Amino acid sequence: MSIDIDELLKILPQLIRENDTVKGAILTALSGVVATHADVEMVIQAMEKRFEAVDRRFEAVDRQFAMNAQEHVDLQNAIGALHQVVEGHFEELSDGMKQVQESIDSLRDHLVNNV
């Protein structure tokens, strides 16, 4: 028995629509090869779970970046405040050194003029 493939291809869509036995045989034959609607749904659900997990990780990373950014701002502010304190101490030290130098100069002038 020889099957004419061209003739089969012409009548196959109609056979599938009209004959449940043919439709069942084709579905059975394709069941191991073609994904079913349920298979596709399972893949979609698995992908959604993975995307949700990725979203949660990105949200965690975003929160960490925000915390790091705030810590950076806080550190910059602390460094600025420390810089002002140190600068103030250097100004005081400089003023004190000028006074010492003036005292030394005055003492030297006194010694030179009175000796």
PDB file of N, CA and C in Angstrom:
ATOM      1  N   MET A   1       0.841  -1.160   0.000  1.00  0.00           N
ATOM      2  CA  MET A   1       0.000   0.000   0.000  1.00  0.00           C
ATOM      3  C   MET A   1       0.892   1.230   0.000  1.00  0.00           C
ATOM      4  N   SER A   2       0.666   2.048  -0.958  1.00  0.00           N
ATOM      5  CA  SER A   2       1.461   3.250  -1.130  1.00  0.00           C
ATOM      6  C   SER A   2       0.595   4.476  -0.828  1.00  0.00           C
ATOM      7  N   ILE A   3       1.134   5.382  -0.026  1.00  0.00           N
ATOM      8  CA  ILE A   3       0.409   6.598   0.338  1.00  0.00           C
ATOM      9  C   ILE A   3       0.960   7.731  -0.505  1.00  0.00           C
ATOM     10  N   ASP A   4       0.046   8.435  -1.147  1.00  0.00           N
ATOM     11  CA  ASP A   4       0.439   9.615  -1.918  1.00  0.00           C
ATOM     12  C   ASP A   4       0.507  10.793  -0.952  1.00  0.00           C
ATOM     13  N   ILE A   5       1.736  11.239  -0.653  1.00  0.00           N
ATOM     14  CA  ILE A   5       1.959  12.295   0.327  1.00  0.00           C
ATOM     15  C   ILE A   5       1.264  13.586  -0.082  1.00  0.00           C
ATOM     16  N   ASP A   6       1.322  13.925  -1.363  1.00  0.00           N
ATOM     17  CA  ASP A   6       0.685  15.164  -1.821  1.00  0.00           C
ATOM     18  C   ASP A   6      -0.815  15.121  -1.575  1.00  0.00           C
ATOM     19  N   GLU A   7      -1.432  14.002  -1.845  1.00  0.00           N
ATOM     20  CA  GLU A   7      -2.872  13.865  -1.639  1.00  0.00           C
ATOM     21  C   GLU A   7      -3.194  13.916  -0.141  1.00  0.00           C
ATOM     22  N   LEU A   8      -2.348  13.277   0.670  1.00  0.00           N
ATOM     23  CA  LEU A   8      -2.552  13.289   2.113  1.00  0.00           C
ATOM     24  C   LEU A   8      -2.466  14.709   2.659  1.00  0.00           C
ATOM     25  N   LEU A   9      -1.490  15.476   2.193  1.00  0.00           N
ATOM     26  CA  LEU A   9      -1.338  16.856   2.649  1.00  0.00           C
ATOM     27  C   LEU A   9      -2.540  17.709   2.273  1.00  0.00           C
ATOM     28  N   LYS A  10      -3.170  17.408   1.158  1.00  0.00           N
ATOM     29  CA  LYS A  10      -4.353  18.165   0.741  1.00  0.00           C
ATOM     30  C   LYS A  10      -5.542  17.888   1.655  1.00  0.00           C
ATOM     31  N   ILE A  11      -5.715  16.638   2.047  1.00  0.00           N
ATOM     32  CA  ILE A  11      -6.903  16.280   2.820  1.00  0.00           C
ATOM     33  C   ILE A  11      -6.672  16.280   4.337  1.00  0.00           C
ATOM     34  N   LEU A  12      -5.431  16.358   4.760  1.00  0.00           N
ATOM     35  CA  LEU A  12      -5.119  16.267   6.184  1.00  0.00           C
ATOM     36  C   LEU A  12      -5.794  17.364   7.014  1.00  0.00           C
ATOM     37  N   PRO A  13      -5.756  18.632   6.649  1.00  0.00           N
ATOM     38  CA  PRO A  13      -6.434  19.637   7.484  1.00  0.00           C
ATOM     39  C   PRO A  13      -7.919  19.332   7.687  1.00  0.00           C
ATOM     40  N   GLN A  14      -8.573  18.885   6.627  1.00  0.00           N
ATOM     41  CA  GLN A  14     -10.000  18.557   6.737  1.00  0.00           C
ATOM     42  C   GLN A  14     -10.191  17.341   7.643  1.00  0.00           C
ATOM     43  N   LEU A  15      -9.341  16.323   7.490  1.00  0.00           N
ATOM     44  CA  LEU A  15      -9.431  15.133   8.339  1.00  0.00           C
ATOM     45  C   LEU A  15      -9.261  15.490   9.818  1.00  0.00           C
ATOM     46  N   ILE A  16      -8.320  16.393  10.083  1.00  0.00           N
ATOM     47  CA  ILE A  16      -8.077  16.797  11.476  1.00  0.00           C
ATOM     48  C   ILE A  16      -9.305  17.495  12.045  1.00  0.00           C
ATOM     49  N   ARG A  17      -9.911  18.377  11.270  1.00  0.00           N
ATOM     50  CA  ARG A  17     -11.103  19.100  11.743  1.00  0.00           C
ATOM     51  C   ARG A  17     -12.302  18.180  11.937  1.00  0.00           C
ATOM     52  N   GLU A  18     -12.455  17.209  11.064  1.00  0.00           N
ATOM     53  CA  GLU A  18     -13.695  16.435  11.022  1.00  0.00           C
ATOM     54  C   GLU A  18     -13.612  15.063  11.676  1.00  0.00           C
ATOM     55  N   ASN A  19     -12.430  14.540  11.886  1.00  0.00           N
ATOM     56  CA  ASN A  19     -12.319  13.159  12.370  1.00  0.00           C
ATOM     57  C   ASN A  19     -11.501  13.149  13.665  1.00  0.00           C
ATOM     58  N   ASP A  20     -12.204  12.843  14.761  1.00  0.00           N
ATOM     59  CA  ASP A  20     -11.529  12.835  16.059  1.00  0.00           C
ATOM     60  C   ASP A  20     -10.476  11.743  16.165  1.00  0.00           C
ATOM     61  N   THR A  21     -10.661  10.658  15.512  1.00  0.00           N
ATOM     62  CA  THR A  21      -9.688   9.565  15.545  1.00  0.00           C
ATOM     63  C   THR A  21      -8.381  10.013  14.896  1.00  0.00           C
ATOM     64  N   VAL A  22      -8.493  10.664  13.744  1.00  0.00           N
ATOM     65  CA  VAL A  22      -7.295  11.173  13.049  1.00  0.00           C
ATOM     66  C   VAL A  22      -6.633  12.243  13.912  1.00  0.00           C
ATOM     67  N   LYS A  23      -7.453  13.156  14.448  1.00  0.00           N
ATOM     68  CA  LYS A  23      -6.925  14.222  15.299  1.00  0.00           C
ATOM     69  C   LYS A  23      -6.184  13.622  16.501  1.00  0.00           C
ATOM     70  N   GLY A  24      -6.789  12.615  17.153  1.00  0.00           N
ATOM     71  CA  GLY A  24      -6.166  11.963  18.300  1.00  0.00           C
ATOM     72  C   GLY A  24      -4.869  11.275  17.937  1.00  0.00           C
ATOM     73  N   ALA A  25      -4.850  10.604  16.778  1.00  0.00           N
ATOM     74  CA  ALA A  25      -3.632   9.912  16.347  1.00  0.00           C
ATOM     75  C   ALA A  25      -2.505  10.907  16.089  1.00  0.00           C
ATOM     76  N   ILE A  26      -2.859  12.033  15.484  1.00  0.00           N
ATOM     77  CA  ILE A  26      -1.838  13.047  15.195  1.00  0.00           C
ATOM     78  C   ILE A  26      -1.334  13.664  16.495  1.00  0.00           C
ATOM     79  N   LEU A  27      -2.246  13.986  17.410  1.00  0.00           N
ATOM     80  CA  LEU A  27      -1.835  14.546  18.697  1.00  0.00           C
ATOM     81  C   LEU A  27      -0.951  13.579  19.465  1.00  0.00           C
ATOM     82  N   THR A  28      -1.302  12.298  19.433  1.00  0.00           N
ATOM     83  CA  THR A  28      -0.494  11.282  20.108  1.00  0.00           C
ATOM     84  C   THR A  28       0.887  11.206  19.485  1.00  0.00           C
ATOM     85  N   ALA A  29       0.937  11.234  18.161  1.00  0.00           N
ATOM     86  CA  ALA A  29       2.217  11.161  17.469  1.00  0.00           C
ATOM     87  C   ALA A  29       3.086  12.382  17.770  1.00  0.00           C
ATOM     88  N   LEU A  30       2.455  13.543  17.923  1.00  0.00           N
ATOM     89  CA  LEU A  30       3.205  14.774  18.150  1.00  0.00           C
ATOM     90  C   LEU A  30       3.464  15.059  19.626  1.00  0.00           C
ATOM     91  N   SER A  31       2.836  14.313  20.510  1.00  0.00           N
ATOM     92  CA  SER A  31       2.915  14.624  21.939  1.00  0.00           C
ATOM     93  C   SER A  31       4.343  14.621  22.467  1.00  0.00           C
ATOM     94  N   GLY A  32       5.189  13.815  21.944  1.00  0.00           N
ATOM     95  CA  GLY A  32       6.577  13.781  22.404  1.00  0.00           C
ATOM     96  C   GLY A  32       7.456  14.781  21.686  1.00  0.00           C
ATOM     97  N   VAL A  33       6.922  15.419  20.652  1.00  0.00           N
ATOM     98  CA  VAL A  33       7.735  16.306  19.820  1.00  0.00           C
ATOM     99  C   VAL A  33       7.333  17.773  19.985  1.00  0.00           C
ATOM    100  N   VAL A  34       6.048  18.032  20.056  1.00  0.00           N
ATOM    101  CA  VAL A  34       5.528  19.387  20.090  1.00  0.00           C
ATOM    102  C   VAL A  34       5.055  19.719  21.501  1.00  0.00           C
ATOM    103  N   ALA A  35       5.344  20.935  21.946  1.00  0.00           N
ATOM    104  CA  ALA A  35       4.909  21.365  23.270  1.00  0.00           C
ATOM    105  C   ALA A  35       3.410  21.602  23.279  1.00  0.00           C
ATOM    106  N   THR A  36       2.804  21.167  24.359  1.00  0.00           N
ATOM    107  CA  THR A  36       1.370  21.402  24.518  1.00  0.00           C
ATOM    108  C   THR A  36       1.162  22.775  25.157  1.00  0.00           C
ATOM    109  N   HIS A  37      -0.085  23.192  25.206  1.00  0.00           N
ATOM    110  CA  HIS A  37      -0.421  24.450  25.857  1.00  0.00           C
ATOM    111  C   HIS A  37       0.023  24.416  27.320  1.00  0.00           C
ATOM    112  N   ALA A  38      -0.187  23.278  27.974  1.00  0.00           N
ATOM    113  CA  ALA A  38       0.213  23.128  29.376  1.00  0.00           C
ATOM    114  C   ALA A  38       1.733  23.240  29.508  1.00  0.00           C
ATOM    115  N   ASP A  39       2.466  22.661  28.559  1.00  0.00           N
ATOM    116  CA  ASP A  39       3.930  22.765  28.580  1.00  0.00           C
ATOM    117  C   ASP A  39       4.365  24.226  28.483  1.00  0.00           C
ATOM    118  N   VAL A  40       3.734  24.950  27.574  1.00  0.00           N
ATOM    119  CA  VAL A  40       4.069  26.358  27.378  1.00  0.00           C
ATOM    120  C   VAL A  40       3.728  27.157  28.633  1.00  0.00           C
ATOM    121  N   GLU A  41       2.590  26.870  29.250  1.00  0.00           N
ATOM    122  CA  GLU A  41       2.198  27.550  30.488  1.00  0.00           C
ATOM    123  C   GLU A  41       3.216  27.294  31.585  1.00  0.00           C
ATOM    124  N   MET A  42       3.695  26.055  31.707  1.00  0.00           N
ATOM    125  CA  MET A  42       4.694  25.733  32.726  1.00  0.00           C
ATOM    126  C   MET A  42       5.980  26.522  32.491  1.00  0.00           C
ATOM    127  N   VAL A  43       6.399  26.621  31.234  1.00  0.00           N
ATOM    128  CA  VAL A  43       7.609  27.384  30.911  1.00  0.00           C
ATOM    129  C   VAL A  43       7.406  28.855  31.262  1.00  0.00           C
ATOM    130  N   ILE A  44       6.249  29.394  30.929  1.00  0.00           N
ATOM    131  CA  ILE A  44       5.960  30.801  31.228  1.00  0.00           C
ATOM    132  C   ILE A  44       5.981  31.036  32.737  1.00  0.00           C
ATOM    133  N   GLN A  45       5.367  30.139  33.497  1.00  0.00           N
ATOM    134  CA  GLN A  45       5.356  30.293  34.953  1.00  0.00           C
ATOM    135  C   GLN A  45       6.768  30.218  35.527  1.00  0.00           C
ATOM    136  N   ALA A  46       7.564  29.294  35.009  1.00  0.00           N
ATOM    137  CA  ALA A  46       8.945  29.179  35.483  1.00  0.00           C
ATOM    138  C   ALA A  46       9.736  30.449  35.155  1.00  0.00           C
ATOM    139  N   MET A  47       9.513  30.993  33.969  1.00  0.00           N
ATOM    140  CA  MET A  47      10.198  32.228  33.577  1.00  0.00           C
ATOM    141  C   MET A  47       9.756  33.391  34.454  1.00  0.00           C
ATOM    142  N   GLU A  48       8.462  33.457  34.751  1.00  0.00           N
ATOM    143  CA  GLU A  48       7.960  34.534  35.602  1.00  0.00           C
ATOM    144  C   GLU A  48       8.592  34.457  36.989  1.00  0.00           C
ATOM    145  N   LYS A  49       8.723  33.250  37.530  1.00  0.00           N
ATOM    146  CA  LYS A  49       9.355  33.088  38.845  1.00  0.00           C
ATOM    147  C   LYS A  49      10.798  33.551  38.806  1.00  0.00           C
ATOM    148  N   ARG A  50      11.499  33.197  37.733  1.00  0.00           N
ATOM    149  CA  ARG A  50      12.911  33.605  37.614  1.00  0.00           C
ATOM    150  C   ARG A  50      13.020  35.116  37.482  1.00  0.00           C
ATOM    151  N   PHE A  51      12.127  35.716  36.684  1.00  0.00           N
ATOM    152  CA  PHE A  51      12.163  37.173  36.531  1.00  0.00           C
ATOM    153  C   PHE A  51      11.841  37.863  37.853  1.00  0.00           C
ATOM    154  N   GLU A  52      10.914  37.294  38.614  1.00  0.00           N
ATOM    155  CA  GLU A  52      10.599  37.859  39.925  1.00  0.00           C
ATOM    156  C   GLU A  52      11.822  37.783  40.843  1.00  0.00           C
ATOM    157  N   ALA A  53      12.525  36.659  40.784  1.00  0.00           N
ATOM    158  CA  ALA A  53      13.730  36.511  41.603  1.00  0.00           C
ATOM    159  C   ALA A  53      14.795  37.517  41.164  1.00  0.00           C
ATOM    160  N   VAL A  54      14.943  37.693  39.866  1.00  0.00           N
ATOM    161  CA  VAL A  54      15.912  38.676  39.352  1.00  0.00           C
ATOM    162  C   VAL A  54      15.506  40.077  39.781  1.00  0.00           C
ATOM    163  N   ASP A  55      14.213  40.381  39.695  1.00  0.00           N
ATOM    164  CA  ASP A  55      13.724  41.693  40.130  1.00  0.00           C
ATOM    165  C   ASP A  55      14.043  41.922  41.608  1.00  0.00           C
ATOM    166  N   ARG A  56      13.847  40.902  42.439  1.00  0.00           N
ATOM    167  CA  ARG A  56      14.148  41.046  43.862  1.00  0.00           C
ATOM    168  C   ARG A  56      15.637  41.308  44.084  1.00  0.00           C
ATOM    169  N   ARG A  57      16.482  40.607  43.323  1.00  0.00           N
ATOM    170  CA  ARG A  57      17.928  40.836  43.461  1.00  0.00           C
ATOM    171  C   ARG A  57      18.296  42.245  43.026  1.00  0.00           C
ATOM    172  N   PHE A  58      17.710  42.717  41.922  1.00  0.00           N
ATOM    173  CA  PHE A  58      17.992  44.087  41.471  1.00  0.00           C
ATOM    174  C   PHE A  58      17.509  45.108  42.498  1.00  0.00           C
ATOM    175  N   GLU A  59      16.355  44.863  43.097  1.00  0.00           N
ATOM    176  CA  GLU A  59      15.851  45.773  44.125  1.00  0.00           C
ATOM    177  C   GLU A  59      16.805  45.806  45.318  1.00  0.00           C
ATOM    178  N   ALA A  60      17.334  44.644  45.686  1.00  0.00           N
ATOM    179  CA  ALA A  60      18.295  44.581  46.793  1.00  0.00           C
ATOM    180  C   ALA A  60      19.564  45.345  46.431  1.00  0.00           C
ATOM    181  N   VAL A  61      20.022  45.173  45.208  1.00  0.00           N
ATOM    182  CA  VAL A  61      21.226  45.889  44.760  1.00  0.00           C
ATOM    183  C   VAL A  61      20.955  47.394  44.738  1.00  0.00           C
ATOM    184  N   ASP A  62      19.777  47.790  44.265  1.00  0.00           N
ATOM    185  CA  ASP A  62      19.421  49.212  44.251  1.00  0.00           C
ATOM    186  C   ASP A  62      19.416  49.782  45.667  1.00  0.00           C
ATOM    187  N   ARG A  63      18.858  49.022  46.611  1.00  0.00           N
ATOM    188  CA  ARG A  63      18.847  49.488  48.004  1.00  0.00           C
ATOM    189  C   ARG A  63      20.274  49.629  48.525  1.00  0.00           C
ATOM    190  N   GLN A  64      21.128  48.662  48.181  1.00  0.00           N
ATOM    191  CA  GLN A  64      22.524  48.723  48.633  1.00  0.00           C
ATOM    192  C   GLN A  64      23.232  49.933  48.035  1.00  0.00           C
ATOM    193  N   PHE A  65      22.992  50.200  46.742  1.00  0.00           N
ATOM    194  CA  PHE A  65      23.588  51.380  46.117  1.00  0.00           C
ATOM    195  C   PHE A  65      23.102  52.651  46.800  1.00  0.00           C
ATOM    196  N   ALA A  66      21.823  52.714  47.129  1.00  0.00           N
ATOM    197  CA  ALA A  66      21.282  53.893  47.799  1.00  0.00           C
ATOM    198  C   ALA A  66      21.930  54.070  49.170  1.00  0.00           C
ATOM    199  N   MET A  67      22.094  52.968  49.900  1.00  0.00           N
ATOM    200  CA  MET A  67      22.747  53.043  51.206  1.00  0.00           C
ATOM    201  C   MET A  67      24.198  53.497  51.046  1.00  0.00           C
ATOM    202  N   ASN A  68      24.892  52.935  50.051  1.00  0.00           N
ATOM    203  CA  ASN A  68      26.286  53.310  49.821  1.00  0.00           C
ATOM    204  C   ASN A  68      26.393  54.777  49.426  1.00  0.00           C
ATOM    205  N   ALA A  69      25.445  55.245  48.627  1.00  0.00           N
ATOM    206  CA  ALA A  69      25.456  56.645  48.213  1.00  0.00           C
ATOM    207  C   ALA A  69      25.263  57.541  49.436  1.00  0.00           C
ATOM    208  N   GLN A  70      24.326  57.175  50.316  1.00  0.00           N
ATOM    209  CA  GLN A  70      24.109  57.966  51.525  1.00  0.00           C
ATOM    210  C   GLN A  70      25.334  57.918  52.423  1.00  0.00           C
ATOM    211  N   GLU A  71      25.954  56.749  52.549  1.00  0.00           N
ATOM    212  CA  GLU A  71      27.166  56.637  53.358  1.00  0.00           C
ATOM    213  C   GLU A  71      28.272  57.507  52.772  1.00  0.00           C
ATOM    214  N   HIS A  72      28.341  57.571  51.456  1.00  0.00           N
ATOM    215  CA  HIS A  72      29.346  58.411  50.796  1.00  0.00           C
ATOM    216  C   HIS A  72      29.090  59.882  51.120  1.00  0.00           C
ATOM    217  N   VAL A  73      27.823  60.304  51.038  1.00  0.00           N
ATOM    218  CA  VAL A  73      27.468  61.686  51.370  1.00  0.00           C
ATOM    219  C   VAL A  73      27.815  61.964  52.833  1.00  0.00           C
ATOM    220  N   ASP A  74      27.460  61.052  53.723  1.00  0.00           N
ATOM    221  CA  ASP A  74      27.759  61.226  55.146  1.00  0.00           C
ATOM    222  C   ASP A  74      29.269  61.328  55.378  1.00  0.00           C
ATOM    223  N   LEU A  75      30.024  60.481  54.692  1.00  0.00           N
ATOM    224  CA  LEU A  75      31.482  60.502  54.827  1.00  0.00           C
ATOM    225  C   LEU A  75      32.046  61.815  54.293  1.00  0.00           C
ATOM    226  N   GLN A  76      31.541  62.274  53.162  1.00  0.00           N
ATOM    227  CA  GLN A  76      32.003  63.552  52.607  1.00  0.00           C
ATOM    228  C   GLN A  76      31.711  64.689  53.580  1.00  0.00           C
ATOM    229  N   ASN A  77      30.526  64.665  54.188  1.00  0.00           N
ATOM    230  CA  ASN A  77      30.174  65.693  55.169  1.00  0.00           C
ATOM    231  C   ASN A  77      31.106  65.631  56.383  1.00  0.00           C
ATOM    232  N   ALA A  78      31.392  64.426  56.851  1.00  0.00           N
ATOM    233  CA  ALA A  78      32.284  64.266  58.001  1.00  0.00           C
ATOM    234  C   ALA A  78      33.691  64.747  57.659  1.00  0.00           C
ATOM    235  N   ILE A  79      34.151  64.431  56.463  1.00  0.00           N
ATOM    236  CA  ILE A  79      35.481  64.881  56.035  1.00  0.00           C
ATOM    237  C   ILE A  79      35.503  66.405  55.940  1.00  0.00           C
ATOM    238  N   GLY A  80      34.428  66.995  55.406  1.00  0.00           N
ATOM    239  CA  GLY A  80      34.347  68.453  55.326  1.00  0.00           C
ATOM    240  C   GLY A  80      34.394  69.097  56.700  1.00  0.00           C
ATOM    241  N   ALA A  81      33.643  68.523  57.644  1.00  0.00           N
ATOM    242  CA  ALA A  81      33.643  69.059  59.009  1.00  0.00           C
ATOM    243  C   ALA A  81      35.023  68.909  59.642  1.00  0.00           C
ATOM    244  N   LEU A  82      35.650  67.757  59.445  1.00  0.00           N
ATOM    245  CA  LEU A  82      36.992  67.530  59.982  1.00  0.00           C
ATOM    246  C   LEU A  82      37.987  68.505  59.366  1.00  0.00           C
ATOM    247  N   HIS A  83      37.850  68.744  58.074  1.00  0.00           N
ATOM    248  CA  HIS A  83      38.727  69.691  57.382  1.00  0.00           C
ATOM    249  C   HIS A  83      38.603  71.085  58.001  1.00  0.00           C
ATOM    250  N   GLN A  84      37.379  71.495  58.303  1.00  0.00           N
ATOM    251  CA  GLN A  84      37.166  72.808  58.911  1.00  0.00           C
ATOM    252  C   GLN A  84      37.807  72.886  60.296  1.00  0.00           C
ATOM    253  N   VAL A  85      37.662  71.810  61.076  1.00  0.00           N
ATOM    254  CA  VAL A  85      38.262  71.783  62.413  1.00  0.00           C
ATOM    255  C   VAL A  85      39.778  71.862  62.306  1.00  0.00           C
ATOM    256  N   VAL A  86      40.352  71.043  61.423  1.00  0.00           N
ATOM    257  CA  VAL A  86      41.808  71.039  61.264  1.00  0.00           C
ATOM    258  C   VAL A  86      42.285  72.393  60.754  1.00  0.00           C
ATOM    259  N   GLU A  87      41.561  72.944  59.807  1.00  0.00           N
ATOM    260  CA  GLU A  87      41.922  74.263  59.272  1.00  0.00           C
ATOM    261  C   GLU A  87      41.886  75.318  60.373  1.00  0.00           C
ATOM    262  N   GLY A  88      40.886  75.246  61.224  1.00  0.00           N
ATOM    263  CA  GLY A  88      40.805  76.172  62.359  1.00  0.00           C
ATOM    264  C   GLY A  88      41.986  76.012  63.296  1.00  0.00           C
ATOM    265  N   HIS A  89      42.374  74.752  63.567  1.00  0.00           N
ATOM    266  CA  HIS A  89      43.532  74.507  64.440  1.00  0.00           C
ATOM    267  C   HIS A  89      44.813  75.030  63.792  1.00  0.00           C
ATOM    268  N   PHE A  90      44.946  74.857  62.486  1.00  0.00           N
ATOM    269  CA  PHE A  90      46.142  75.361  61.802  1.00  0.00           C
ATOM    270  C   PHE A  90      46.180  76.885  61.847  1.00  0.00           C
ATOM    271  N   GLU A  91      45.023  77.518  61.711  1.00  0.00           N
ATOM    272  CA  GLU A  91      44.981  78.982  61.803  1.00  0.00           C
ATOM    273  C   GLU A  91      45.380  79.444  63.208  1.00  0.00           C
ATOM    274  N   GLU A  92      44.858  78.746  64.230  1.00  0.00           N
ATOM    275  CA  GLU A  92      45.236  79.069  65.604  1.00  0.00           C
ATOM    276  C   GLU A  92      46.731  78.858  65.809  1.00  0.00           C
ATOM    277  N   LEU A  93      47.250  77.770  65.301  1.00  0.00           N
ATOM    278  CA  LEU A  93      48.674  77.475  65.424  1.00  0.00           C
ATOM    279  C   LEU A  93      49.502  78.525  64.699  1.00  0.00           C
ATOM    280  N   SER A  94      49.040  78.905  63.531  1.00  0.00           N
ATOM    281  CA  SER A  94      49.744  79.930  62.764  1.00  0.00           C
ATOM    282  C   SER A  94      49.744  81.258  63.513  1.00  0.00           C
ATOM    283  N   ASP A  95      48.594  81.622  64.074  1.00  0.00           N
ATOM    284  CA  ASP A  95      48.516  82.860  64.857  1.00  0.00           C
ATOM    285  C   ASP A  95      49.451  82.788  66.066  1.00  0.00           C
ATOM    286  N   GLY A  96      49.452  81.628  66.722  1.00  0.00           N
ATOM    287  CA  GLY A  96      50.340  81.441  67.884  1.00  0.00           C
ATOM    288  C   GLY A  96      51.796  81.542  67.482  1.00  0.00           C
ATOM    289  N   MET A  97      52.135  80.975  66.340  1.00  0.00           N
ATOM    290  CA  MET A  97      53.523  81.038  65.872  1.00  0.00           C
ATOM    291  C   MET A  97      53.895  82.478  65.515  1.00  0.00           C
ATOM    292  N   LYS A  98      52.970  83.247  64.965  1.00  0.00           N
ATOM    293  CA  LYS A  98      53.238  84.661  64.667  1.00  0.00           C
ATOM    294  C   LYS A  98      53.496  85.431  65.961  1.00  0.00           C
ATOM    295  N   GLN A  99      52.700  85.111  66.978  1.00  0.00           N
ATOM    296  CA  GLN A  99      52.891  85.774  68.271  1.00  0.00           C
ATOM    297  C   GLN A  99      54.249  85.416  68.859  1.00  0.00           C
ATOM    298  N   VAL A 100      54.609  84.141  68.748  1.00  0.00           N
ATOM    299  CA  VAL A 100      55.923  83.710  69.244  1.00  0.00           C
ATOM    300  C   VAL A 100      57.019  84.434  68.465  1.00  0.00           C
ATOM    301  N   GLN A 101      56.874  84.514  67.144  1.00  0.00           N
ATOM    302  CA  GLN A 101      57.874  85.190  66.323  1.00  0.00           C
ATOM    303  C   GLN A 101      57.963  86.669  66.688  1.00  0.00           C
ATOM    304  N   GLU A 102      56.795  87.290  66.912  1.00  0.00           N
ATOM    305  CA  GLU A 102      56.793  88.695  67.328  1.00  0.00           C
ATOM    306  C   GLU A 102      57.478  88.863  68.679  1.00  0.00           C
ATOM    307  N   SER A 103      57.230  87.928  69.570  1.00  0.00           N
ATOM    308  CA  SER A 103      57.870  87.987  70.894  1.00  0.00           C
ATOM    309  C   SER A 103      59.376  87.823  70.758  1.00  0.00           C
ATOM    310  N   ILE A 104      59.801  86.896  69.918  1.00  0.00           N
ATOM    311  CA  ILE A 104      61.238  86.682  69.694  1.00  0.00           C
ATOM    312  C   ILE A 104      61.848  87.941  69.079  1.00  0.00           C
ATOM    313  N   ASP A 105      61.165  88.509  68.097  1.00  0.00           N
ATOM    314  CA  ASP A 105      61.675  89.733  67.453  1.00  0.00           C
ATOM    315  C   ASP A 105      61.768  90.869  68.475  1.00  0.00           C
ATOM    316  N   SER A 106      60.732  90.998  69.299  1.00  0.00           N
ATOM    317  CA  SER A 106      60.713  92.040  70.314  1.00  0.00           C
ATOM    318  C   SER A 106      61.836  91.834  71.323  1.00  0.00           C
ATOM    319  N   LEU A 107      62.010  90.585  71.734  1.00  0.00           N
ATOM    320  CA  LEU A 107      63.073  90.254  72.681  1.00  0.00           C
ATOM    321  C   LEU A 107      64.435  90.547  72.063  1.00  0.00           C
ATOM    322  N   ARG A 108      64.608  90.185  70.808  1.00  0.00           N
ATOM    323  CA  ARG A 108      65.873  90.415  70.109  1.00  0.00           C
ATOM    324  C   ARG A 108      66.113  91.929  70.034  1.00  0.00           C
ATOM    325  N   ASP A 109      65.100  92.703  69.675  1.00  0.00           N
ATOM    326  CA  ASP A 109      65.260  94.151  69.599  1.00  0.00           C
ATOM    327  C   ASP A 109      65.618  94.737  70.963  1.00  0.00           C
ATOM    328  N   HIS A 110      64.970  94.230  71.978  1.00  0.00           N
ATOM    329  CA  HIS A 110      65.248  94.706  73.344  1.00  0.00           C
ATOM    330  C   HIS A 110      66.685  94.392  73.746  1.00  0.00           C
ATOM    331  N   LEU A 111      67.113  93.159  73.439  1.00  0.00           N
ATOM    332  CA  LEU A 111      68.461  92.754  73.787  1.00  0.00           C
ATOM    333  C   LEU A 111      69.501  93.550  72.988  1.00  0.00           C
ATOM    334  N   VAL A 112      69.216  93.788  71.723  1.00  0.00           N
ATOM    335  CA  VAL A 112      70.172  94.509  70.889  1.00  0.00           C
ATOM    336  C   VAL A 112      70.260  95.984  71.334  1.00  0.00           C
ATOM    337  N   ASN A 113      69.141  96.545  71.679  1.00  0.00           N
ATOM    338  CA  ASN A 113      69.136  97.969  72.063  1.00  0.00           C
ATOM    339  C   ASN A 113      69.628  98.189  73.474  1.00  0.00           C
ATOM    340  N   ASN A 114      69.529  97.203  74.331  1.00  0.00           N
ATOM    341  CA  ASN A 114      69.900  97.377  75.730  1.00  0.00           C
ATOM    342  C   ASN A 114      71.253  96.729  76.057  1.00  0.00           C
ATOM    343  N   VAL A 115      71.892  96.175  75.164  1.00  0.00           N
ATOM    344  CA  VAL A 115      73.172  95.528  75.456  1.00  0.00           C
ATOM    345  C   VAL A 115      74.307  96.379  74.976  1.00  0.00           C
TER     346      VAL A 115
END
